[in-house]
Amino acid sequence: PYDTNREMGSFIIIDRMTNNTVGVGMIDFALRRASNIHWQAM
């Protein structure tokens, strides 16, 4: 999380068409579904 570690919790956002930096972000926490949901192979 950003409030714990600035470098490990920060990111920038880049526009894919222009390659301009369009935003900066600070991570608060991972969403629970990120670790609880998996693609089910058939």
Full PDB file with SEQRES, HELIX, SHEET, SSBOND, CRYST1, ORIGX, SCALE, CONECT and MASTER records, all heavy atoms in Angstrom:
SEQRES   1 A   42  PRO TYR ASP THR ASN ARG GLU MET GLY SER PHE ILE ILE          
SEQRES   2 A   42  ILE ASP ARG MET THR ASN ASN THR VAL GLY VAL GLY MET          
SEQRES   3 A   42  ILE ASP PHE ALA LEU ARG ARG ALA SER ASN ILE HIS TRP          
SEQRES   4 A   42  GLN ALA MET                                                  
HELIX    1 AA1 ARG A   32  ASN A   36  1                                   5    
SHEET    1 AA1 2 SER A  10  ILE A  14  0                                        
SHEET    2 AA1 2 THR A  21  MET A  26 -1                                        
CRYST1    1.000    1.000    1.000  90.00  90.00  90.00 P 1           1          
ORIGX1      1.000000  0.000000  0.000000        0.00000                         
ORIGX2      0.000000  1.000000  0.000000        0.00000                         
ORIGX3      0.000000  0.000000  1.000000        0.00000                         
SCALE1      1.000000  0.000000  0.000000        0.00000                         
SCALE2      0.000000  1.000000  0.000000        0.00000                         
SCALE3      0.000000  0.000000  1.000000        0.00000                         
ATOM      1  N   PRO A   1       0.835  -1.210   0.000  1.00  0.00           N  
ATOM      2  CA  PRO A   1       0.000   0.000   0.000  1.00  0.00           C  
ATOM      3  C   PRO A   1       0.864   1.252   0.000  1.00  0.00           C  
ATOM      4  O   PRO A   1       1.937   1.278   0.606  1.00  0.00           O  
ATOM      5  CB  PRO A   1      -0.800  -0.128   1.294  1.00  0.00           C  
ATOM      6  CG  PRO A   1      -0.837  -1.590   1.579  1.00  0.00           C  
ATOM      7  CD  PRO A   1       0.490  -2.123   1.108  1.00  0.00           C  
ATOM      8  N   TYR A   2       0.404   2.295  -0.667  1.00  0.00           N  
ATOM      9  CA  TYR A   2       1.210   3.503  -0.827  1.00  0.00           C  
ATOM     10  C   TYR A   2       1.578   4.127   0.511  1.00  0.00           C  
ATOM     11  O   TYR A   2       2.692   4.635   0.674  1.00  0.00           O  
ATOM     12  CB  TYR A   2       0.451   4.523  -1.675  1.00  0.00           C  
ATOM     13  CG  TYR A   2       1.244   5.777  -1.959  1.00  0.00           C  
ATOM     14  CD1 TYR A   2       2.158   5.816  -3.000  1.00  0.00           C  
ATOM     15  CD2 TYR A   2       1.083   6.923  -1.172  1.00  0.00           C  
ATOM     16  CE1 TYR A   2       2.897   6.957  -3.260  1.00  0.00           C  
ATOM     17  CE2 TYR A   2       1.815   8.065  -1.428  1.00  0.00           C  
ATOM     18  CZ  TYR A   2       2.720   8.085  -2.472  1.00  0.00           C  
ATOM     19  OH  TYR A   2       3.457   9.218  -2.724  1.00  0.00           O  
ATOM     20  N   ASP A   3       0.664   4.095   1.478  1.00  0.00           N  
ATOM     21  CA  ASP A   3       0.978   4.725   2.760  1.00  0.00           C  
ATOM     22  C   ASP A   3       2.018   3.941   3.550  1.00  0.00           C  
ATOM     23  O   ASP A   3       2.537   4.424   4.551  1.00  0.00           O  
ATOM     24  CB  ASP A   3      -0.289   4.942   3.602  1.00  0.00           C  
ATOM     25  CG  ASP A   3      -1.024   3.643   3.895  1.00  0.00           C  
ATOM     26  OD1 ASP A   3      -0.529   2.565   3.522  1.00  0.00           O  
ATOM     27  OD2 ASP A   3      -2.111   3.700   4.506  1.00  0.00           O  
ATOM     28  N   THR A   4       2.331   2.723   3.091  1.00  0.00           N  
ATOM     29  CA  THR A   4       3.386   1.922   3.707  1.00  0.00           C  
ATOM     30  C   THR A   4       4.705   2.065   2.965  1.00  0.00           C  
ATOM     31  O   THR A   4       5.773   2.126   3.573  1.00  0.00           O  
ATOM     32  CB  THR A   4       2.988   0.429   3.731  1.00  0.00           C  
ATOM     33  OG1 THR A   4       1.774   0.291   4.472  1.00  0.00           O  
ATOM     34  CG2 THR A   4       4.070  -0.418   4.370  1.00  0.00           C  
ATOM     35  N   ASN A   5       4.620   2.120   1.638  1.00  0.00           N  
ATOM     36  CA  ASN A   5       5.832   2.170   0.816  1.00  0.00           C  
ATOM     37  C   ASN A   5       5.519   2.962  -0.447  1.00  0.00           C  
ATOM     38  O   ASN A   5       4.808   2.485  -1.325  1.00  0.00           O  
ATOM     39  CB  ASN A   5       6.296   0.754   0.467  1.00  0.00           C  
ATOM     40  CG  ASN A   5       7.677   0.712  -0.162  1.00  0.00           C  
ATOM     41  OD1 ASN A   5       7.996   1.496  -1.041  1.00  0.00           O  
ATOM     42  ND2 ASN A   5       8.493  -0.226   0.288  1.00  0.00           N  
ATOM     43  N   ARG A   6       6.032   4.180  -0.528  1.00  0.00           N  
ATOM     44  CA  ARG A   6       5.725   5.057  -1.650  1.00  0.00           C  
ATOM     45  C   ARG A   6       6.068   4.427  -2.998  1.00  0.00           C  
ATOM     46  O   ARG A   6       5.282   4.468  -3.940  1.00  0.00           O  
ATOM     47  CB  ARG A   6       6.500   6.373  -1.524  1.00  0.00           C  
ATOM     48  CG  ARG A   6       5.849   7.441  -0.675  1.00  0.00           C  
ATOM     49  CD  ARG A   6       6.693   8.705  -0.776  1.00  0.00           C  
ATOM     50  NE  ARG A   6       6.050   9.855  -0.131  1.00  0.00           N  
ATOM     51  CZ  ARG A   6       6.546  11.077  -0.157  1.00  0.00           C  
ATOM     52  NH1 ARG A   6       7.673  11.304  -0.806  1.00  0.00           N  
ATOM     53  NH2 ARG A   6       5.923  12.066   0.443  1.00  0.00           N  
ATOM     54  N   GLU A   7       7.283   3.882  -3.090  1.00  0.00           N  
ATOM     55  CA  GLU A   7       7.740   3.380  -4.386  1.00  0.00           C  
ATOM     56  C   GLU A   7       6.983   2.132  -4.808  1.00  0.00           C  
ATOM     57  O   GLU A   7       6.648   1.961  -5.981  1.00  0.00           O  
ATOM     58  CB  GLU A   7       9.243   3.093  -4.351  1.00  0.00           C  
ATOM     59  CG  GLU A   7       9.809   2.709  -5.703  1.00  0.00           C  
ATOM     60  CD  GLU A   7      11.322   2.739  -5.744  1.00  0.00           C  
ATOM     61  OE1 GLU A   7      11.932   3.329  -4.829  1.00  0.00           O  
ATOM     62  OE2 GLU A   7      11.892   2.170  -6.687  1.00  0.00           O  
ATOM     63  N   MET A   8       6.679   1.266  -3.866  1.00  0.00           N  
ATOM     64  CA  MET A   8       6.007   0.004  -4.194  1.00  0.00           C  
ATOM     65  C   MET A   8       4.499   0.167  -4.353  1.00  0.00           C  
ATOM     66  O   MET A   8       3.824  -0.754  -4.813  1.00  0.00           O  
ATOM     67  CB  MET A   8       6.298  -1.032  -3.111  1.00  0.00           C  
ATOM     68  CG  MET A   8       7.746  -1.496  -3.053  1.00  0.00           C  
ATOM     69  SD  MET A   8       8.204  -2.447  -4.500  1.00  0.00           S  
ATOM     70  CE  MET A   8       7.163  -3.893  -4.279  1.00  0.00           C  
ATOM     71  N   GLY A   9       3.969   1.322  -3.975  1.00  0.00           N  
ATOM     72  CA  GLY A   9       2.524   1.501  -4.037  1.00  0.00           C  
ATOM     73  C   GLY A   9       2.062   2.570  -5.002  1.00  0.00           C  
ATOM     74  O   GLY A   9       0.906   2.963  -4.987  1.00  0.00           O  
ATOM     75  N   SER A  10       2.966   3.030  -5.876  1.00  0.00           N  
ATOM     76  CA  SER A  10       2.608   4.109  -6.792  1.00  0.00           C  
ATOM     77  C   SER A  10       2.682   3.644  -8.237  1.00  0.00           C  
ATOM     78  O   SER A  10       3.365   2.677  -8.564  1.00  0.00           O  
ATOM     79  CB  SER A  10       3.537   5.311  -6.583  1.00  0.00           C  
ATOM     80  OG  SER A  10       4.885   4.943  -6.823  1.00  0.00           O  
ATOM     81  N   PHE A  11       1.988   4.362  -9.103  1.00  0.00           N  
ATOM     82  CA  PHE A  11       2.027   4.067 -10.531  1.00  0.00           C  
ATOM     83  C   PHE A  11       1.638   5.317 -11.304  1.00  0.00           C  
ATOM     84  O   PHE A  11       1.085   6.266 -10.741  1.00  0.00           O  
ATOM     85  CB  PHE A  11       1.086   2.905 -10.881  1.00  0.00           C  
ATOM     86  CG  PHE A  11      -0.353   3.152 -10.523  1.00  0.00           C  
ATOM     87  CD1 PHE A  11      -1.222   3.796 -11.394  1.00  0.00           C  
ATOM     88  CD2 PHE A  11      -0.855   2.725  -9.288  1.00  0.00           C  
ATOM     89  CE1 PHE A  11      -2.548   4.014 -11.054  1.00  0.00           C  
ATOM     90  CE2 PHE A  11      -2.186   2.944  -8.939  1.00  0.00           C  
ATOM     91  CZ  PHE A  11      -3.033   3.600  -9.833  1.00  0.00           C  
ATOM     92  N   ILE A  12       1.956   5.314 -12.582  1.00  0.00           N  
ATOM     93  CA  ILE A  12       1.466   6.361 -13.472  1.00  0.00           C  
ATOM     94  C   ILE A  12       0.596   5.708 -14.544  1.00  0.00           C  
ATOM     95  O   ILE A  12       0.705   4.506 -14.807  1.00  0.00           O  
ATOM     96  CB  ILE A  12       2.608   7.171 -14.126  1.00  0.00           C  
ATOM     97  CG1 ILE A  12       3.471   6.279 -15.023  1.00  0.00           C  
ATOM     98  CG2 ILE A  12       3.437   7.865 -13.083  1.00  0.00           C  
ATOM     99  CD1 ILE A  12       4.505   7.055 -15.826  1.00  0.00           C  
ATOM    100  N   ILE A  13      -0.276   6.510 -15.145  1.00  0.00           N  
ATOM    101  CA  ILE A  13      -1.183   6.030 -16.174  1.00  0.00           C  
ATOM    102  C   ILE A  13      -0.811   6.714 -17.487  1.00  0.00           C  
ATOM    103  O   ILE A  13      -0.622   7.933 -17.523  1.00  0.00           O  
ATOM    104  CB  ILE A  13      -2.650   6.329 -15.817  1.00  0.00           C  
ATOM    105  CG1 ILE A  13      -2.967   5.776 -14.414  1.00  0.00           C  
ATOM    106  CG2 ILE A  13      -3.592   5.723 -16.851  1.00  0.00           C  
ATOM    107  CD1 ILE A  13      -4.352   6.157 -13.917  1.00  0.00           C  
ATOM    108  N   ILE A  14      -0.708   5.927 -18.548  1.00  0.00           N  
ATOM    109  CA  ILE A  14      -0.237   6.420 -19.846  1.00  0.00           C  
ATOM    110  C   ILE A  14      -1.313   6.174 -20.898  1.00  0.00           C  
ATOM    111  O   ILE A  14      -1.890   5.083 -20.965  1.00  0.00           O  
ATOM    112  CB  ILE A  14       1.075   5.715 -20.253  1.00  0.00           C  
ATOM    113  CG1 ILE A  14       2.165   5.981 -19.195  1.00  0.00           C  
ATOM    114  CG2 ILE A  14       1.537   6.172 -21.633  1.00  0.00           C  
ATOM    115  CD1 ILE A  14       3.415   5.146 -19.383  1.00  0.00           C  
ATOM    116  N   ASP A  15      -1.572   7.182 -21.702  1.00  0.00           N  
ATOM    117  CA  ASP A  15      -2.512   7.035 -22.809  1.00  0.00           C  
ATOM    118  C   ASP A  15      -1.886   6.167 -23.900  1.00  0.00           C  
ATOM    119  O   ASP A  15      -0.754   6.413 -24.328  1.00  0.00           O  
ATOM    120  CB  ASP A  15      -2.862   8.411 -23.384  1.00  0.00           C  
ATOM    121  CG  ASP A  15      -3.918   8.331 -24.473  1.00  0.00           C  
ATOM    122  OD1 ASP A  15      -3.557   8.052 -25.630  1.00  0.00           O  
ATOM    123  OD2 ASP A  15      -5.104   8.534 -24.160  1.00  0.00           O  
ATOM    124  N   ARG A  16      -2.613   5.169 -24.351  1.00  0.00           N  
ATOM    125  CA  ARG A  16      -2.050   4.203 -25.289  1.00  0.00           C  
ATOM    126  C   ARG A  16      -1.889   4.778 -26.688  1.00  0.00           C  
ATOM    127  O   ARG A  16      -1.067   4.285 -27.463  1.00  0.00           O  
ATOM    128  CB  ARG A  16      -2.927   2.958 -25.343  1.00  0.00           C  
ATOM    129  CG  ARG A  16      -3.087   2.285 -23.995  1.00  0.00           C  
ATOM    130  CD  ARG A  16      -3.859   1.002 -24.077  1.00  0.00           C  
ATOM    131  NE  ARG A  16      -3.153   0.011 -24.874  1.00  0.00           N  
ATOM    132  CZ  ARG A  16      -3.461  -1.283 -24.883  1.00  0.00           C  
ATOM    133  NH1 ARG A  16      -4.454  -1.723 -24.141  1.00  0.00           N  
ATOM    134  NH2 ARG A  16      -2.800  -2.115 -25.630  1.00  0.00           N  
ATOM    135  N   MET A  17      -2.639   5.802 -27.033  1.00  0.00           N  
ATOM    136  CA  MET A  17      -2.561   6.365 -28.364  1.00  0.00           C  
ATOM    137  C   MET A  17      -1.463   7.431 -28.469  1.00  0.00           C  
ATOM    138  O   MET A  17      -0.763   7.512 -29.478  1.00  0.00           O  
ATOM    139  CB  MET A  17      -3.909   6.971 -28.765  1.00  0.00           C  
ATOM    140  CG  MET A  17      -5.076   5.999 -28.695  1.00  0.00           C  
ATOM    141  SD  MET A  17      -4.886   4.553 -29.778  1.00  0.00           S  
ATOM    142  CE  MET A  17      -4.997   5.326 -31.386  1.00  0.00           C  
ATOM    143  N   THR A  18      -1.312   8.250 -27.430  1.00  0.00           N  
ATOM    144  CA  THR A  18      -0.369   9.373 -27.489  1.00  0.00           C  
ATOM    145  C   THR A  18       0.906   9.137 -26.691  1.00  0.00           C  
ATOM    146  O   THR A  18       1.874   9.873 -26.850  1.00  0.00           O  
ATOM    147  CB  THR A  18      -1.039  10.649 -26.947  1.00  0.00           C  
ATOM    148  OG1 THR A  18      -1.346  10.470 -25.545  1.00  0.00           O  
ATOM    149  CG2 THR A  18      -2.324  10.951 -27.701  1.00  0.00           C  
ATOM    150  N   ASN A  19       0.898   8.139 -25.812  1.00  0.00           N  
ATOM    151  CA  ASN A  19       2.009   7.870 -24.880  1.00  0.00           C  
ATOM    152  C   ASN A  19       2.224   9.004 -23.883  1.00  0.00           C  
ATOM    153  O   ASN A  19       3.280   9.083 -23.248  1.00  0.00           O  
ATOM    154  CB  ASN A  19       3.317   7.582 -25.632  1.00  0.00           C  
ATOM    155  CG  ASN A  19       3.338   6.199 -26.239  1.00  0.00           C  
ATOM    156  OD1 ASN A  19       2.824   5.248 -25.644  1.00  0.00           O  
ATOM    157  ND2 ASN A  19       3.915   6.068 -27.419  1.00  0.00           N  
ATOM    158  N   ASN A  20       1.237   9.868 -23.710  1.00  0.00           N  
ATOM    159  CA  ASN A  20       1.319  10.918 -22.689  1.00  0.00           C  
ATOM    160  C   ASN A  20       0.966  10.348 -21.322  1.00  0.00           C  
ATOM    161  O   ASN A  20       0.098   9.471 -21.210  1.00  0.00           O  
ATOM    162  CB  ASN A  20       0.355  12.060 -23.008  1.00  0.00           C  
ATOM    163  CG  ASN A  20       0.773  12.848 -24.235  1.00  0.00           C  
ATOM    164  OD1 ASN A  20       1.957  12.906 -24.565  1.00  0.00           O  
ATOM    165  ND2 ASN A  20      -0.178  13.459 -24.909  1.00  0.00           N  
ATOM    166  N   THR A  21       1.639  10.842 -20.287  1.00  0.00           N  
ATOM    167  CA  THR A  21       1.255  10.498 -18.924  1.00  0.00           C  
ATOM    168  C   THR A  21      -0.016  11.269 -18.584  1.00  0.00           C  
ATOM    169  O   THR A  21      -0.039  12.500 -18.645  1.00  0.00           O  
ATOM    170  CB  THR A  21       2.368  10.851 -17.932  1.00  0.00           C  
ATOM    171  OG1 THR A  21       3.532  10.089 -18.251  1.00  0.00           O  
ATOM    172  CG2 THR A  21       1.941  10.531 -16.502  1.00  0.00           C  
ATOM    173  N   VAL A  22      -1.071  10.560 -18.234  1.00  0.00           N  
ATOM    174  CA  VAL A  22      -2.376  11.200 -18.033  1.00  0.00           C  
ATOM    175  C   VAL A  22      -2.862  11.131 -16.590  1.00  0.00           C  
ATOM    176  O   VAL A  22      -3.863  11.759 -16.241  1.00  0.00           O  
ATOM    177  CB  VAL A  22      -3.437  10.583 -18.971  1.00  0.00           C  
ATOM    178  CG1 VAL A  22      -3.120  10.893 -20.421  1.00  0.00           C  
ATOM    179  CG2 VAL A  22      -3.549   9.070 -18.767  1.00  0.00           C  
ATOM    180  N   GLY A  23      -2.174  10.369 -15.737  1.00  0.00           N  
ATOM    181  CA  GLY A  23      -2.617  10.281 -14.349  1.00  0.00           C  
ATOM    182  C   GLY A  23      -1.560   9.651 -13.473  1.00  0.00           C  
ATOM    183  O   GLY A  23      -0.619   9.008 -13.955  1.00  0.00           O  
ATOM    184  N   VAL A  24      -1.699   9.865 -12.169  1.00  0.00           N  
ATOM    185  CA  VAL A  24      -0.851   9.197 -11.186  1.00  0.00           C  
ATOM    186  C   VAL A  24      -1.765   8.529 -10.164  1.00  0.00           C  
ATOM    187  O   VAL A  24      -2.884   8.993  -9.921  1.00  0.00           O  
ATOM    188  CB  VAL A  24       0.107  10.177 -10.482  1.00  0.00           C  
ATOM    189  CG1 VAL A  24       1.082  10.780 -11.476  1.00  0.00           C  
ATOM    190  CG2 VAL A  24      -0.654  11.280  -9.767  1.00  0.00           C  
ATOM    191  N   GLY A  25      -1.302   7.429  -9.602  1.00  0.00           N  
ATOM    192  CA  GLY A  25      -2.150   6.693  -8.683  1.00  0.00           C  
ATOM    193  C   GLY A  25      -1.402   6.161  -7.483  1.00  0.00           C  
ATOM    194  O   GLY A  25      -0.183   5.948  -7.514  1.00  0.00           O  
ATOM    195  N   MET A  26      -2.147   5.956  -6.415  1.00  0.00           N  
ATOM    196  CA  MET A  26      -1.624   5.414  -5.164  1.00  0.00           C  
ATOM    197  C   MET A  26      -2.497   4.230  -4.753  1.00  0.00           C  
ATOM    198  O   MET A  26      -3.707   4.389  -4.550  1.00  0.00           O  
ATOM    199  CB  MET A  26      -1.649   6.478  -4.059  1.00  0.00           C  
ATOM    200  CG  MET A  26      -0.672   7.629  -4.267  1.00  0.00           C  
ATOM    201  SD  MET A  26      -1.106   8.782  -5.587  1.00  0.00           S  
ATOM    202  CE  MET A  26      -2.582   9.529  -4.932  1.00  0.00           C  
ATOM    203  N   ILE A  27      -1.878   3.052  -4.633  1.00  0.00           N  
ATOM    204  CA  ILE A  27      -2.624   1.841  -4.321  1.00  0.00           C  
ATOM    205  C   ILE A  27      -3.005   1.821  -2.836  1.00  0.00           C  
ATOM    206  O   ILE A  27      -2.161   2.044  -1.968  1.00  0.00           O  
ATOM    207  CB  ILE A  27      -1.796   0.588  -4.661  1.00  0.00           C  
ATOM    208  CG1 ILE A  27      -1.520   0.533  -6.174  1.00  0.00           C  
ATOM    209  CG2 ILE A  27      -2.511  -0.680  -4.210  1.00  0.00           C  
ATOM    210  CD1 ILE A  27      -0.594  -0.591  -6.581  1.00  0.00           C  
ATOM    211  N   ASP A  28      -4.283   1.534  -2.570  1.00  0.00           N  
ATOM    212  CA  ASP A  28      -4.747   1.379  -1.187  1.00  0.00           C  
ATOM    213  C   ASP A  28      -4.682  -0.085  -0.751  1.00  0.00           C  
ATOM    214  O   ASP A  28      -4.109  -0.407   0.283  1.00  0.00           O  
ATOM    215  CB  ASP A  28      -6.186   1.892  -1.050  1.00  0.00           C  
ATOM    216  CG  ASP A  28      -6.255   3.412  -1.121  1.00  0.00           C  
ATOM    217  OD1 ASP A  28      -5.253   4.062  -0.760  1.00  0.00           O  
ATOM    218  OD2 ASP A  28      -7.283   3.940  -1.548  1.00  0.00           O  
ATOM    219  N   PHE A  29      -5.303  -0.955  -1.544  1.00  0.00           N  
ATOM    220  CA  PHE A  29      -5.308  -2.386  -1.189  1.00  0.00           C  
ATOM    221  C   PHE A  29      -5.740  -3.199  -2.402  1.00  0.00           C  
ATOM    222  O   PHE A  29      -6.313  -2.673  -3.361  1.00  0.00           O  
ATOM    223  CB  PHE A  29      -6.237  -2.666   0.009  1.00  0.00           C  
ATOM    224  CG  PHE A  29      -7.636  -2.127  -0.158  1.00  0.00           C  
ATOM    225  CD1 PHE A  29      -8.599  -2.822  -0.875  1.00  0.00           C  
ATOM    226  CD2 PHE A  29      -8.003  -0.910   0.413  1.00  0.00           C  
ATOM    227  CE1 PHE A  29      -9.881  -2.324  -1.033  1.00  0.00           C  
ATOM    228  CE2 PHE A  29      -9.290  -0.390   0.259  1.00  0.00           C  
ATOM    229  CZ  PHE A  29     -10.227  -1.119  -0.465  1.00  0.00           C  
ATOM    230  N   ALA A  30      -5.454  -4.501  -2.343  1.00  0.00           N  
ATOM    231  CA  ALA A  30      -5.899  -5.418  -3.394  1.00  0.00           C  
ATOM    232  C   ALA A  30      -7.368  -5.764  -3.163  1.00  0.00           C  
ATOM    233  O   ALA A  30      -7.816  -5.886  -2.021  1.00  0.00           O  
ATOM    234  CB  ALA A  30      -5.051  -6.685  -3.387  1.00  0.00           C  
ATOM    235  N   LEU A  31      -8.095  -5.905  -4.240  1.00  0.00           N  
ATOM    236  CA  LEU A  31      -9.485  -6.335  -4.130  1.00  0.00           C  
ATOM    237  C   LEU A  31      -9.514  -7.833  -3.835  1.00  0.00           C  
ATOM    238  O   LEU A  31      -8.745  -8.608  -4.405  1.00  0.00           O  
ATOM    239  CB  LEU A  31     -10.239  -6.038  -5.421  1.00  0.00           C  
ATOM    240  CG  LEU A  31     -10.292  -4.555  -5.821  1.00  0.00           C  
ATOM    241  CD1 LEU A  31     -11.020  -4.392  -7.137  1.00  0.00           C  
ATOM    242  CD2 LEU A  31     -10.982  -3.738  -4.733  1.00  0.00           C  
ATOM    243  N   ARG A  32     -10.398  -8.247  -2.964  1.00  0.00           N  
ATOM    244  CA  ARG A  32     -10.435  -9.649  -2.545  1.00  0.00           C  
ATOM    245  C   ARG A  32     -10.672 -10.588  -3.711  1.00  0.00           C  
ATOM    246  O   ARG A  32     -10.128 -11.680  -3.770  1.00  0.00           O  
ATOM    247  CB  ARG A  32     -11.520  -9.850  -1.487  1.00  0.00           C  
ATOM    248  CG  ARG A  32     -11.186  -9.242  -0.140  1.00  0.00           C  
ATOM    249  CD  ARG A  32     -12.341  -9.384   0.826  1.00  0.00           C  
ATOM    250  NE  ARG A  32     -12.753 -10.755   0.986  1.00  0.00           N  
ATOM    251  CZ  ARG A  32     -13.855 -11.133   1.636  1.00  0.00           C  
ATOM    252  NH1 ARG A  32     -14.642 -10.206   2.155  1.00  0.00           N  
ATOM    253  NH2 ARG A  32     -14.171 -12.396   1.756  1.00  0.00           N  
ATOM    254  N   ARG A  33     -11.477 -10.130  -4.682  1.00  0.00           N  
ATOM    255  CA  ARG A  33     -11.768 -11.021  -5.791  1.00  0.00           C  
ATOM    256  C   ARG A  33     -10.527 -11.315  -6.620  1.00  0.00           C  
ATOM    257  O   ARG A  33     -10.497 -12.281  -7.365  1.00  0.00           O  
ATOM    258  CB  ARG A  33     -12.850 -10.420  -6.677  1.00  0.00           C  
ATOM    259  CG  ARG A  33     -12.501  -9.097  -7.349  1.00  0.00           C  
ATOM    260  CD  ARG A  33     -13.609  -8.707  -8.322  1.00  0.00           C  
ATOM    261  NE  ARG A  33     -13.349  -7.452  -9.009  1.00  0.00           N  
ATOM    262  CZ  ARG A  33     -13.842  -6.285  -8.643  1.00  0.00           C  
ATOM    263  NH1 ARG A  33     -14.616  -6.211  -7.565  1.00  0.00           N  
ATOM    264  NH2 ARG A  33     -13.571  -5.185  -9.326  1.00  0.00           N  
ATOM    265  N   ALA A  34      -9.491 -10.457  -6.496  1.00  0.00           N  
ATOM    266  CA  ALA A  34      -8.276 -10.680  -7.274  1.00  0.00           C  
ATOM    267  C   ALA A  34      -7.624 -12.012  -6.908  1.00  0.00           C  
ATOM    268  O   ALA A  34      -7.019 -12.666  -7.731  1.00  0.00           O  
ATOM    269  CB  ALA A  34      -7.284  -9.535  -7.049  1.00  0.00           C  
ATOM    270  N   SER A  35      -7.735 -12.411  -5.660  1.00  0.00           N  
ATOM    271  CA  SER A  35      -7.120 -13.663  -5.230  1.00  0.00           C  
ATOM    272  C   SER A  35      -8.124 -14.784  -5.047  1.00  0.00           C  
ATOM    273  O   SER A  35      -7.757 -15.948  -4.929  1.00  0.00           O  
ATOM    274  CB  SER A  35      -6.358 -13.434  -3.908  1.00  0.00           C  
ATOM    275  OG  SER A  35      -7.230 -12.919  -2.927  1.00  0.00           O  
ATOM    276  N   ASN A  36      -9.411 -14.464  -5.023  1.00  0.00           N  
ATOM    277  CA  ASN A  36     -10.437 -15.485  -4.768  1.00  0.00           C  
ATOM    278  C   ASN A  36     -11.089 -16.028  -6.025  1.00  0.00           C  
ATOM    279  O   ASN A  36     -11.781 -17.043  -5.978  1.00  0.00           O  
ATOM    280  CB  ASN A  36     -11.542 -14.911  -3.868  1.00  0.00           C  
ATOM    281  CG  ASN A  36     -11.025 -14.569  -2.484  1.00  0.00           C  
ATOM    282  OD1 ASN A  36      -9.964 -15.040  -2.096  1.00  0.00           O  
ATOM    283  ND2 ASN A  36     -11.757 -13.750  -1.748  1.00  0.00           N  
ATOM    284  N   ILE A  37     -10.905 -15.342  -7.165  1.00  0.00           N  
ATOM    285  CA  ILE A  37     -11.567 -15.761  -8.391  1.00  0.00           C  
ATOM    286  C   ILE A  37     -10.530 -16.215  -9.402  1.00  0.00           C  
ATOM    287  O   ILE A  37      -9.545 -15.521  -9.657  1.00  0.00           O  
ATOM    288  CB  ILE A  37     -12.415 -14.614  -8.985  1.00  0.00           C  
ATOM    289  CG1 ILE A  37     -13.511 -14.213  -7.995  1.00  0.00           C  
ATOM    290  CG2 ILE A  37     -13.023 -15.018 -10.321  1.00  0.00           C  
ATOM    291  CD1 ILE A  37     -14.362 -13.059  -8.454  1.00  0.00           C  
ATOM    292  N   HIS A  38     -10.724 -17.376  -9.976  1.00  0.00           N  
ATOM    293  CA  HIS A  38      -9.795 -17.950 -10.944  1.00  0.00           C  
ATOM    294  C   HIS A  38     -10.582 -18.433 -12.164  1.00  0.00           C  
ATOM    295  O   HIS A  38     -11.743 -18.824 -12.054  1.00  0.00           O  
ATOM    296  CB  HIS A  38      -9.017 -19.120 -10.338  1.00  0.00           C  
ATOM    297  CG  HIS A  38      -8.324 -18.765  -9.057  1.00  0.00           C  
ATOM    298  ND1 HIS A  38      -7.083 -18.189  -9.018  1.00  0.00           N  
ATOM    299  CD2 HIS A  38      -8.720 -18.890  -7.757  1.00  0.00           C  
ATOM    300  CE1 HIS A  38      -6.741 -17.981  -7.755  1.00  0.00           C  
ATOM    301  NE2 HIS A  38      -7.712 -18.390  -6.968  1.00  0.00           N  
ATOM    302  N   TRP A  39      -9.920 -18.394 -13.319  1.00  0.00           N  
ATOM    303  CA  TRP A  39     -10.559 -18.895 -14.529  1.00  0.00           C  
ATOM    304  C   TRP A  39     -10.648 -20.414 -14.447  1.00  0.00           C  
ATOM    305  O   TRP A  39      -9.656 -21.086 -14.218  1.00  0.00           O  
ATOM    306  CB  TRP A  39      -9.760 -18.484 -15.766  1.00  0.00           C  
ATOM    307  CG  TRP A  39     -10.451 -18.860 -17.042  1.00  0.00           C  
ATOM    308  CD1 TRP A  39     -10.263 -19.992 -17.766  1.00  0.00           C  
ATOM    309  CD2 TRP A  39     -11.469 -18.115 -17.723  1.00  0.00           C  
ATOM    310  NE1 TRP A  39     -11.084 -20.000 -18.872  1.00  0.00           N  
ATOM    311  CE2 TRP A  39     -11.836 -18.863 -18.878  1.00  0.00           C  
ATOM    312  CE3 TRP A  39     -12.105 -16.893 -17.486  1.00  0.00           C  
ATOM    313  CZ2 TRP A  39     -12.807 -18.420 -19.765  1.00  0.00           C  
ATOM    314  CZ3 TRP A  39     -13.062 -16.467 -18.373  1.00  0.00           C  
ATOM    315  CH2 TRP A  39     -13.408 -17.224 -19.492  1.00  0.00           C  
ATOM    316  N   GLN A  40     -11.855 -20.942 -14.612  1.00  0.00           N  
ATOM    317  CA  GLN A  40     -12.078 -22.384 -14.509  1.00  0.00           C  
ATOM    318  C   GLN A  40     -11.826 -23.037 -15.867  1.00  0.00           C  
ATOM    319  O   GLN A  40     -12.497 -22.742 -16.851  1.00  0.00           O  
ATOM    320  CB  GLN A  40     -13.517 -22.679 -14.057  1.00  0.00           C  
ATOM    321  CG  GLN A  40     -13.828 -24.152 -13.906  1.00  0.00           C  
ATOM    322  CD  GLN A  40     -13.012 -24.793 -12.802  1.00  0.00           C  
ATOM    323  OE1 GLN A  40     -12.929 -24.274 -11.690  1.00  0.00           O  
ATOM    324  NE2 GLN A  40     -12.373 -25.901 -13.113  1.00  0.00           N  
ATOM    325  N   ALA A  41     -10.837 -23.904 -15.919  1.00  0.00           N  
ATOM    326  CA  ALA A  41     -10.528 -24.610 -17.161  1.00  0.00           C  
ATOM    327  C   ALA A  41     -11.587 -25.688 -17.425  1.00  0.00           C  
ATOM    328  O   ALA A  41     -12.031 -26.382 -16.501  1.00  0.00           O  
ATOM    329  CB  ALA A  41      -9.146 -25.243 -17.081  1.00  0.00           C  
ATOM    330  N   MET A  42     -11.989 -25.831 -18.698  1.00  0.00           N  
ATOM    331  CA  MET A  42     -12.989 -26.816 -19.106  1.00  0.00           C  
ATOM    332  C   MET A  42     -12.364 -27.820 -20.064  1.00  0.00           C  
ATOM    333  O   MET A  42     -11.473 -27.485 -20.852  1.00  0.00           O  
ATOM    334  CB  MET A  42     -14.185 -26.112 -19.784  1.00  0.00           C  
ATOM    335  CG  MET A  42     -14.921 -25.134 -18.886  1.00  0.00           C  
ATOM    336  SD  MET A  42     -15.716 -25.965 -17.488  1.00  0.00           S  
ATOM    337  CE  MET A  42     -16.480 -24.549 -16.662  1.00  0.00           C  
TER     338      MET A  42                                                      
MASTER        0    0    0    1    2    0    0    6  337    1    0    4          
END                                                                             
